[in-house]
Amino acid sequence: MVDLVTLPAMPMNWNVMKQLPVQGLDGNVTNRYVPGQIIDWLDCDGPTGLFRWTVRFQNGHEAQFELGEIAELLESSANLGLNITGKIF
């Protein structure tokens, strides 16, 4: 996580995969995995002085993630087998 603080542009255009719970036709809840890409960051936003990175997902949704959240998202995406630094879009 230290690299993300000292080099906040490092993960630009990196890929992530977000797990979203969805209800299937049978009423059971299952997981949907939506790919996204880190598109920008906010420099030490707010009184807490935290960086936030914006991810644009392929379904059109955008979300912002603080340092710990983006690090966890990158790690879980890599653990799923996603090439987080390569081109998928």
PDB file of N, CA and C in Angstrom:
ATOM      1  N   MET A   1       0.812  -1.199   0.000  1.00  0.00           N
ATOM      2  CA  MET A   1       0.000   0.000   0.000  1.00  0.00           C
ATOM      3  C   MET A   1       0.853   1.259   0.000  1.00  0.00           C
ATOM      4  N   VAL A   2       2.075   1.149   0.450  1.00  0.00           N
ATOM      5  CA  VAL A   2       2.941   2.323   0.484  1.00  0.00           C
ATOM      6  C   VAL A   2       3.156   2.875  -0.919  1.00  0.00           C
ATOM      7  N   ASP A   3       3.313   2.005  -1.908  1.00  0.00           N
ATOM      8  CA  ASP A   3       3.515   2.477  -3.278  1.00  0.00           C
ATOM      9  C   ASP A   3       2.333   3.292  -3.780  1.00  0.00           C
ATOM     10  N   LEU A   4       1.117   2.938  -3.393  1.00  0.00           N
ATOM     11  CA  LEU A   4      -0.055   3.686  -3.835  1.00  0.00           C
ATOM     12  C   LEU A   4      -0.094   5.085  -3.234  1.00  0.00           C
ATOM     13  N   VAL A   5       0.466   5.257  -2.060  1.00  0.00           N
ATOM     14  CA  VAL A   5       0.509   6.582  -1.439  1.00  0.00           C
ATOM     15  C   VAL A   5       1.597   7.434  -2.073  1.00  0.00           C
ATOM     16  N   THR A   6       2.766   6.858  -2.277  1.00  0.00           N
ATOM     17  CA  THR A   6       3.868   7.636  -2.844  1.00  0.00           C
ATOM     18  C   THR A   6       3.742   7.797  -4.352  1.00  0.00           C
ATOM     19  N   LEU A   7       3.082   6.858  -5.008  1.00  0.00           N
ATOM     20  CA  LEU A   7       2.896   6.900  -6.463  1.00  0.00           C
ATOM     21  C   LEU A   7       1.420   6.663  -6.800  1.00  0.00           C
ATOM     22  N   PRO A   8       0.548   7.631  -6.512  1.00  0.00           N
ATOM     23  CA  PRO A   8      -0.888   7.397  -6.690  1.00  0.00           C
ATOM     24  C   PRO A   8      -1.321   7.167  -8.133  1.00  0.00           C
ATOM     25  N   ALA A   9      -0.495   7.542  -9.108  1.00  0.00           N
ATOM     26  CA  ALA A   9      -0.841   7.311 -10.516  1.00  0.00           C
ATOM     27  C   ALA A   9      -0.479   5.898 -10.969  1.00  0.00           C
ATOM     28  N   MET A  10       0.264   5.171 -10.142  1.00  0.00           N
ATOM     29  CA  MET A  10       0.733   3.842 -10.530  1.00  0.00           C
ATOM     30  C   MET A  10      -0.394   2.913 -11.003  1.00  0.00           C
ATOM     31  N   PRO A  11      -1.552   2.855 -10.324  1.00  0.00           N
ATOM     32  CA  PRO A  11      -2.571   1.901 -10.773  1.00  0.00           C
ATOM     33  C   PRO A  11      -3.513   2.422 -11.861  1.00  0.00           C
ATOM     34  N   MET A  12      -3.193   3.563 -12.465  1.00  0.00           N
ATOM     35  CA  MET A  12      -4.069   4.091 -13.517  1.00  0.00           C
ATOM     36  C   MET A  12      -4.219   3.068 -14.636  1.00  0.00           C
ATOM     37  N   ASN A  13      -5.454   2.855 -15.060  1.00  0.00           N
ATOM     38  CA  ASN A  13      -5.828   1.901 -16.109  1.00  0.00           C
ATOM     39  C   ASN A  13      -5.635   0.442 -15.700  1.00  0.00           C
ATOM     40  N   TRP A  14      -5.368   0.192 -14.427  1.00  0.00           N
ATOM     41  CA  TRP A  14      -5.320  -1.188 -13.964  1.00  0.00           C
ATOM     42  C   TRP A  14      -6.740  -1.738 -13.893  1.00  0.00           C
ATOM     43  N   ASN A  15      -6.853  -3.041 -13.956  1.00  0.00           N
ATOM     44  CA  ASN A  15      -8.142  -3.719 -13.990  1.00  0.00           C
ATOM     45  C   ASN A  15      -8.491  -4.300 -12.627  1.00  0.00           C
ATOM     46  N   VAL A  16      -9.774  -4.297 -12.331  1.00  0.00           N
ATOM     47  CA  VAL A  16     -10.282  -4.909 -11.107  1.00  0.00           C
ATOM     48  C   VAL A  16     -11.533  -5.711 -11.446  1.00  0.00           C
ATOM     49  N   MET A  17     -11.928  -6.560 -10.513  1.00  0.00           N
ATOM     50  CA  MET A  17     -13.149  -7.347 -10.651  1.00  0.00           C
ATOM     51  C   MET A  17     -13.918  -7.202  -9.346  1.00  0.00           C
ATOM     52  N   LYS A  18     -15.139  -6.682  -9.421  1.00  0.00           N
ATOM     53  CA  LYS A  18     -15.962  -6.456  -8.230  1.00  0.00           C
ATOM     54  C   LYS A  18     -17.043  -7.522  -8.143  1.00  0.00           C
ATOM     55  N   GLN A  19     -17.141  -8.134  -6.985  1.00  0.00           N
ATOM     56  CA  GLN A  19     -18.167  -9.146  -6.731  1.00  0.00           C
ATOM     57  C   GLN A  19     -19.443  -8.445  -6.287  1.00  0.00           C
ATOM     58  N   LEU A  20     -20.543  -8.716  -6.987  1.00  0.00           N
ATOM     59  CA  LEU A  20     -21.831  -8.122  -6.652  1.00  0.00           C
ATOM     60  C   LEU A  20     -22.859  -9.233  -6.441  1.00  0.00           C
ATOM     61  N   PRO A  21     -23.593  -9.191  -5.335  1.00  0.00           N
ATOM     62  CA  PRO A  21     -24.638 -10.200  -5.143  1.00  0.00           C
ATOM     63  C   PRO A  21     -25.839  -9.886  -6.035  1.00  0.00           C
ATOM     64  N   VAL A  22     -26.382 -10.903  -6.699  1.00  0.00           N
ATOM     65  CA  VAL A  22     -27.572 -10.735  -7.535  1.00  0.00           C
ATOM     66  C   VAL A  22     -28.538 -11.882  -7.248  1.00  0.00           C
ATOM     67  N   GLN A  23     -29.811 -11.580  -7.425  1.00  0.00           N
ATOM     68  CA  GLN A  23     -30.825 -12.600  -7.223  1.00  0.00           C
ATOM     69  C   GLN A  23     -31.127 -13.266  -8.551  1.00  0.00           C
ATOM     70  N   GLY A  24     -31.009 -14.585  -8.575  1.00  0.00           N
ATOM     71  CA  GLY A  24     -31.276 -15.344  -9.784  1.00  0.00           C
ATOM     72  C   GLY A  24     -32.765 -15.511 -10.025  1.00  0.00           C
ATOM     73  N   LEU A  25     -33.117 -16.103 -11.152  1.00  0.00           N
ATOM     74  CA  LEU A  25     -34.515 -16.325 -11.510  1.00  0.00           C
ATOM     75  C   LEU A  25     -35.231 -17.227 -10.506  1.00  0.00           C
ATOM     76  N   ASP A  26     -34.467 -18.107  -9.859  1.00  0.00           N
ATOM     77  CA  ASP A  26     -35.053 -19.011  -8.870  1.00  0.00           C
ATOM     78  C   ASP A  26     -35.164 -18.387  -7.485  1.00  0.00           C
ATOM     79  N   GLY A  27     -34.745 -17.121  -7.352  1.00  0.00           N
ATOM     80  CA  GLY A  27     -34.823 -16.424  -6.076  1.00  0.00           C
ATOM     81  C   GLY A  27     -33.586 -16.550  -5.217  1.00  0.00           C
ATOM     82  N   ASN A  28     -32.673 -17.428  -5.586  1.00  0.00           N
ATOM     83  CA  ASN A  28     -31.433 -17.586  -4.830  1.00  0.00           C
ATOM     84  C   ASN A  28     -30.461 -16.464  -5.163  1.00  0.00           C
ATOM     85  N   VAL A  29     -29.688 -16.073  -4.160  1.00  0.00           N
ATOM     86  CA  VAL A  29     -28.681 -15.034  -4.360  1.00  0.00           C
ATOM     87  C   VAL A  29     -27.379 -15.693  -4.788  1.00  0.00           C
ATOM     88  N   THR A  30     -26.782 -15.162  -5.828  1.00  0.00           N
ATOM     89  CA  THR A  30     -25.508 -15.652  -6.331  1.00  0.00           C
ATOM     90  C   THR A  30     -24.600 -14.449  -6.550  1.00  0.00           C
ATOM     91  N   ASN A  31     -23.394 -14.693  -7.000  1.00  0.00           N
ATOM     92  CA  ASN A  31     -22.444 -13.601  -7.222  1.00  0.00           C
ATOM     93  C   ASN A  31     -22.263 -13.324  -8.698  1.00  0.00           C
ATOM     94  N   ARG A  32     -22.189 -12.060  -9.021  1.00  0.00           N
ATOM     95  CA  ARG A  32     -21.855 -11.611 -10.372  1.00  0.00           C
ATOM     96  C   ARG A  32     -20.535 -10.866 -10.246  1.00  0.00           C
ATOM     97  N   TYR A  33     -19.630 -11.110 -11.166  1.00  0.00           N
ATOM     98  CA  TYR A  33     -18.328 -10.452 -11.138  1.00  0.00           C
ATOM     99  C   TYR A  33     -18.261  -9.478 -12.307  1.00  0.00           C
ATOM    100  N   VAL A  34     -18.094  -8.202 -11.984  1.00  0.00           N
ATOM    101  CA  VAL A  34     -18.106  -7.151 -12.996  1.00  0.00           C
ATOM    102  C   VAL A  34     -16.705  -6.560 -13.113  1.00  0.00           C
ATOM    103  N   PRO A  35     -16.112  -6.580 -14.319  1.00  0.00           N
ATOM    104  CA  PRO A  35     -14.787  -5.990 -14.494  1.00  0.00           C
ATOM    105  C   PRO A  35     -14.868  -4.470 -14.545  1.00  0.00           C
ATOM    106  N   GLY A  36     -13.796  -3.843 -14.091  1.00  0.00           N
ATOM    107  CA  GLY A  36     -13.704  -2.392 -14.126  1.00  0.00           C
ATOM    108  C   GLY A  36     -12.265  -1.963 -14.299  1.00  0.00           C
ATOM    109  N   GLN A  37     -12.093  -0.664 -14.441  1.00  0.00           N
ATOM    110  CA  GLN A  37     -10.760  -0.111 -14.657  1.00  0.00           C
ATOM    111  C   GLN A  37     -10.606   1.158 -13.824  1.00  0.00           C
ATOM    112  N   ILE A  38      -9.438   1.316 -13.205  1.00  0.00           N
ATOM    113  CA  ILE A  38      -9.149   2.519 -12.423  1.00  0.00           C
ATOM    114  C   ILE A  38      -8.930   3.668 -13.402  1.00  0.00           C
ATOM    115  N   ILE A  39      -9.731   4.737 -13.254  1.00  0.00           N
ATOM    116  CA  ILE A  39      -9.687   5.821 -14.240  1.00  0.00           C
ATOM    117  C   ILE A  39      -9.100   7.125 -13.712  1.00  0.00           C
ATOM    118  N   ASP A  40      -9.125   7.350 -12.391  1.00  0.00           N
ATOM    119  CA  ASP A  40      -8.535   8.575 -11.843  1.00  0.00           C
ATOM    120  C   ASP A  40      -8.404   8.446 -10.331  1.00  0.00           C
ATOM    121  N   TRP A  41      -7.869   9.480  -9.702  1.00  0.00           N
ATOM    122  CA  TRP A  41      -7.800   9.496  -8.248  1.00  0.00           C
ATOM    123  C   TRP A  41      -8.006  10.911  -7.751  1.00  0.00           C
ATOM    124  N   LEU A  42      -8.467  11.010  -6.510  1.00  0.00           N
ATOM    125  CA  LEU A  42      -8.619  12.287  -5.830  1.00  0.00           C
ATOM    126  C   LEU A  42      -7.467  12.409  -4.858  1.00  0.00           C
ATOM    127  N   ASP A  43      -6.794  13.524  -4.898  1.00  0.00           N
ATOM    128  CA  ASP A  43      -5.589  13.754  -4.112  1.00  0.00           C
ATOM    129  C   ASP A  43      -5.934  14.165  -2.685  1.00  0.00           C
ATOM    130  N   CYS A  44      -5.730  13.264  -1.743  1.00  0.00           N
ATOM    131  CA  CYS A  44      -5.929  13.549  -0.318  1.00  0.00           C
ATOM    132  C   CYS A  44      -7.237  14.284  -0.070  1.00  0.00           C
ATOM    133  N   ASP A  45      -8.330  13.667  -0.442  1.00  0.00           N
ATOM    134  CA  ASP A  45      -9.654  14.265  -0.358  1.00  0.00           C
ATOM    135  C   ASP A  45     -10.151  14.346   1.082  1.00  0.00           C
ATOM    136  N   GLY A  46     -10.736  15.471   1.435  1.00  0.00           N
ATOM    137  CA  GLY A  46     -11.426  15.626   2.708  1.00  0.00           C
ATOM    138  C   GLY A  46     -10.516  15.839   3.900  1.00  0.00           C
ATOM    139  N   PRO A  47     -11.134  15.963   5.088  1.00  0.00           N
ATOM    140  CA  PRO A  47     -10.371  16.252   6.303  1.00  0.00           C
ATOM    141  C   PRO A  47      -9.476  15.100   6.752  1.00  0.00           C
ATOM    142  N   THR A  48      -9.759  13.885   6.294  1.00  0.00           N
ATOM    143  CA  THR A  48      -8.934  12.743   6.696  1.00  0.00           C
ATOM    144  C   THR A  48      -7.652  12.649   5.890  1.00  0.00           C
ATOM    145  N   GLY A  49      -7.570  13.377   4.774  1.00  0.00           N
ATOM    146  CA  GLY A  49      -6.366  13.357   3.953  1.00  0.00           C
ATOM    147  C   GLY A  49      -6.137  12.047   3.241  1.00  0.00           C
ATOM    148  N   LEU A  50      -7.218  11.385   2.819  1.00  0.00           N
ATOM    149  CA  LEU A  50      -7.105  10.087   2.170  1.00  0.00           C
ATOM    150  C   LEU A  50      -7.225  10.204   0.658  1.00  0.00           C
ATOM    151  N   PHE A  51      -6.375   9.452  -0.047  1.00  0.00           N
ATOM    152  CA  PHE A  51      -6.533   9.318  -1.492  1.00  0.00           C
ATOM    153  C   PHE A  51      -7.773   8.470  -1.756  1.00  0.00           C
ATOM    154  N   ARG A  52      -8.427   8.739  -2.880  1.00  0.00           N
ATOM    155  CA  ARG A  52      -9.520   7.885  -3.354  1.00  0.00           C
ATOM    156  C   ARG A  52      -9.341   7.689  -4.851  1.00  0.00           C
ATOM    157  N   TRP A  53      -9.477   6.435  -5.293  1.00  0.00           N
ATOM    158  CA  TRP A  53      -9.355   6.091  -6.709  1.00  0.00           C
ATOM    159  C   TRP A  53     -10.745   5.777  -7.243  1.00  0.00           C
ATOM    160  N   THR A  54     -11.015   6.213  -8.478  1.00  0.00           N
ATOM    161  CA  THR A  54     -12.303   5.954  -9.115  1.00  0.00           C
ATOM    162  C   THR A  54     -12.168   4.773 -10.061  1.00  0.00           C
ATOM    163  N   VAL A  55     -13.123   3.854  -9.969  1.00  0.00           N
ATOM    164  CA  VAL A  55     -13.189   2.701 -10.867  1.00  0.00           C
ATOM    165  C   VAL A  55     -14.454   2.834 -11.710  1.00  0.00           C
ATOM    166  N   ARG A  56     -14.295   2.687 -13.023  1.00  0.00           N
ATOM    167  CA  ARG A  56     -15.445   2.631 -13.931  1.00  0.00           C
ATOM    168  C   ARG A  56     -15.636   1.172 -14.320  1.00  0.00           C
ATOM    169  N   PHE A  57     -16.802   0.645 -13.981  1.00  0.00           N
ATOM    170  CA  PHE A  57     -17.111  -0.746 -14.272  1.00  0.00           C
ATOM    171  C   PHE A  57     -17.772  -0.867 -15.637  1.00  0.00           C
ATOM    172  N   GLN A  58     -17.674  -2.042 -16.242  1.00  0.00           N
ATOM    173  CA  GLN A  58     -18.215  -2.256 -17.582  1.00  0.00           C
ATOM    174  C   GLN A  58     -19.723  -2.094 -17.637  1.00  0.00           C
ATOM    175  N   ASN A  59     -20.403  -2.218 -16.509  1.00  0.00           N
ATOM    176  CA  ASN A  59     -21.848  -2.019 -16.505  1.00  0.00           C
ATOM    177  C   ASN A  59     -22.222  -0.538 -16.417  1.00  0.00           C
ATOM    178  N   GLY A  60     -21.207   0.355 -16.476  1.00  0.00           N
ATOM    179  CA  GLY A  60     -21.433   1.795 -16.477  1.00  0.00           C
ATOM    180  C   GLY A  60     -21.353   2.451 -15.113  1.00  0.00           C
ATOM    181  N   HIS A  61     -21.342   1.669 -14.058  1.00  0.00           N
ATOM    182  CA  HIS A  61     -21.281   2.209 -12.700  1.00  0.00           C
ATOM    183  C   HIS A  61     -19.870   2.704 -12.395  1.00  0.00           C
ATOM    184  N   GLU A  62     -19.772   3.814 -11.659  1.00  0.00           N
ATOM    185  CA  GLU A  62     -18.484   4.301 -11.160  1.00  0.00           C
ATOM    186  C   GLU A  62     -18.535   4.318  -9.647  1.00  0.00           C
ATOM    187  N   ALA A  63     -17.419   3.970  -9.017  1.00  0.00           N
ATOM    188  CA  ALA A  63     -17.328   3.970  -7.563  1.00  0.00           C
ATOM    189  C   ALA A  63     -15.934   4.422  -7.156  1.00  0.00           C
ATOM    190  N   GLN A  64     -15.861   5.055  -5.977  1.00  0.00           N
ATOM    191  CA  GLN A  64     -14.574   5.499  -5.446  1.00  0.00           C
ATOM    192  C   GLN A  64     -14.173   4.602  -4.282  1.00  0.00           C
ATOM    193  N   PHE A  65     -12.869   4.336  -4.206  1.00  0.00           N
ATOM    194  CA  PHE A  65     -12.324   3.448  -3.195  1.00  0.00           C
ATOM    195  C   PHE A  65     -11.147   4.125  -2.510  1.00  0.00           C
ATOM    196  N   GLU A  66     -11.131   4.063  -1.172  1.00  0.00           N
ATOM    197  CA  GLU A  66     -10.002   4.583  -0.409  1.00  0.00           C
ATOM    198  C   GLU A  66      -8.852   3.590  -0.487  1.00  0.00           C
ATOM    199  N   LEU A  67      -7.722   3.969   0.072  1.00  0.00           N
ATOM    200  CA  LEU A  67      -6.481   3.203  -0.043  1.00  0.00           C
ATOM    201  C   LEU A  67      -6.651   1.720   0.288  1.00  0.00           C
ATOM    202  N   GLY A  68      -7.143   1.418   1.475  1.00  0.00           N
ATOM    203  CA  GLY A  68      -7.298   0.021   1.873  1.00  0.00           C
ATOM    204  C   GLY A  68      -8.268  -0.731   0.985  1.00  0.00           C
ATOM    205  N   GLU A  69      -9.333  -0.050   0.570  1.00  0.00           N
ATOM    206  CA  GLU A  69     -10.345  -0.684  -0.280  1.00  0.00           C
ATOM    207  C   GLU A  69      -9.797  -1.015  -1.661  1.00  0.00           C
ATOM    208  N   ILE A  70      -9.056  -0.069  -2.264  1.00  0.00           N
ATOM    209  CA  ILE A  70      -8.526  -0.320  -3.613  1.00  0.00           C
ATOM    210  C   ILE A  70      -7.449  -1.403  -3.554  1.00  0.00           C
ATOM    211  N   ALA A  71      -6.666  -1.411  -2.468  1.00  0.00           N
ATOM    212  CA  ALA A  71      -5.645  -2.454  -2.315  1.00  0.00           C
ATOM    213  C   ALA A  71      -6.301  -3.828  -2.200  1.00  0.00           C
ATOM    214  N   GLU A  72      -7.378  -3.934  -1.410  1.00  0.00           N
ATOM    215  CA  GLU A  72      -8.095  -5.204  -1.275  1.00  0.00           C
ATOM    216  C   GLU A  72      -8.740  -5.617  -2.594  1.00  0.00           C
ATOM    217  N   LEU A  73      -9.303  -4.645  -3.316  1.00  0.00           N
ATOM    218  CA  LEU A  73      -9.937  -4.939  -4.601  1.00  0.00           C
ATOM    219  C   LEU A  73      -8.911  -5.442  -5.613  1.00  0.00           C
ATOM    220  N   LEU A  74      -7.741  -4.816  -5.641  1.00  0.00           N
ATOM    221  CA  LEU A  74      -6.678  -5.269  -6.542  1.00  0.00           C
ATOM    222  C   LEU A  74      -6.209  -6.675  -6.171  1.00  0.00           C
ATOM    223  N   GLU A  75      -6.033  -6.919  -4.876  1.00  0.00           N
ATOM    224  CA  GLU A  75      -5.571  -8.238  -4.433  1.00  0.00           C
ATOM    225  C   GLU A  75      -6.598  -9.324  -4.742  1.00  0.00           C
ATOM    226  N   SER A  76      -7.871  -9.066  -4.438  1.00  0.00           N
ATOM    227  CA  SER A  76      -8.894 -10.085  -4.700  1.00  0.00           C
ATOM    228  C   SER A  76      -9.059 -10.326  -6.194  1.00  0.00           C
ATOM    229  N   SER A  77      -8.898  -9.280  -7.007  1.00  0.00           N
ATOM    230  CA  SER A  77      -8.987  -9.433  -8.464  1.00  0.00           C
ATOM    231  C   SER A  77      -7.852 -10.300  -8.985  1.00  0.00           C
ATOM    232  N   ALA A  78      -6.645 -10.055  -8.486  1.00  0.00           N
ATOM    233  CA  ALA A  78      -5.493 -10.864  -8.890  1.00  0.00           C
ATOM    234  C   ALA A  78      -5.676 -12.311  -8.437  1.00  0.00           C
ATOM    235  N   ASN A  79      -6.240 -12.512  -7.242  1.00  0.00           N
ATOM    236  CA  ASN A  79      -6.470 -13.868  -6.733  1.00  0.00           C
ATOM    237  C   ASN A  79      -7.503 -14.625  -7.562  1.00  0.00           C
ATOM    238  N   LEU A  80      -8.409 -13.901  -8.225  1.00  0.00           N
ATOM    239  CA  LEU A  80      -9.379 -14.532  -9.121  1.00  0.00           C
ATOM    240  C   LEU A  80      -8.753 -14.904 -10.461  1.00  0.00           C
ATOM    241  N   GLY A  81      -7.531 -14.421 -10.698  1.00  0.00           N
ATOM    242  CA  GLY A  81      -6.840 -14.720 -11.947  1.00  0.00           C
ATOM    243  C   GLY A  81      -6.860 -13.589 -12.954  1.00  0.00           C
ATOM    244  N   LEU A  82      -7.407 -12.437 -12.572  1.00  0.00           N
ATOM    245  CA  LEU A  82      -7.454 -11.298 -13.481  1.00  0.00           C
ATOM    246  C   LEU A  82      -6.063 -10.692 -13.643  1.00  0.00           C
ATOM    247  N   ASN A  83      -5.689 -10.379 -14.870  1.00  0.00           N
ATOM    248  CA  ASN A  83      -4.440  -9.673 -15.139  1.00  0.00           C
ATOM    249  C   ASN A  83      -4.701  -8.204 -14.823  1.00  0.00           C
ATOM    250  N   ILE A  84      -4.322  -7.776 -13.619  1.00  0.00           N
ATOM    251  CA  ILE A  84      -4.699  -6.437 -13.175  1.00  0.00           C
ATOM    252  C   ILE A  84      -3.951  -5.325 -13.899  1.00  0.00           C
ATOM    253  N   THR A  85      -2.771  -5.606 -14.444  1.00  0.00           N
ATOM    254  CA  THR A  85      -2.009  -4.548 -15.113  1.00  0.00           C
ATOM    255  C   THR A  85      -2.082  -4.625 -16.627  1.00  0.00           C
ATOM    256  N   GLY A  86      -2.673  -5.671 -17.164  1.00  0.00           N
ATOM    257  CA  GLY A  86      -2.756  -5.842 -18.617  1.00  0.00           C
ATOM    258  C   GLY A  86      -4.008  -5.216 -19.203  1.00  0.00           C
ATOM    259  N   LYS A  87      -4.106  -5.255 -20.510  1.00  0.00           N
ATOM    260  CA  LYS A  87      -5.247  -4.659 -21.198  1.00  0.00           C
ATOM    261  C   LYS A  87      -6.358  -5.697 -21.343  1.00  0.00           C
ATOM    262  N   ILE A  88      -7.555  -5.368 -20.830  1.00  0.00           N
ATOM    263  CA  ILE A  88      -8.714  -6.237 -21.033  1.00  0.00           C
ATOM    264  C   ILE A  88      -9.858  -5.500 -21.717  1.00  0.00           C
ATOM    265  N   PHE A  89      -9.776  -4.186 -21.793  1.00  0.00           N
ATOM    266  CA  PHE A  89     -10.844  -3.407 -22.430  1.00  0.00           C
ATOM    267  C   PHE A  89     -10.384  -2.927 -23.781  1.00  0.00           C
TER     268      PHE A  89
END
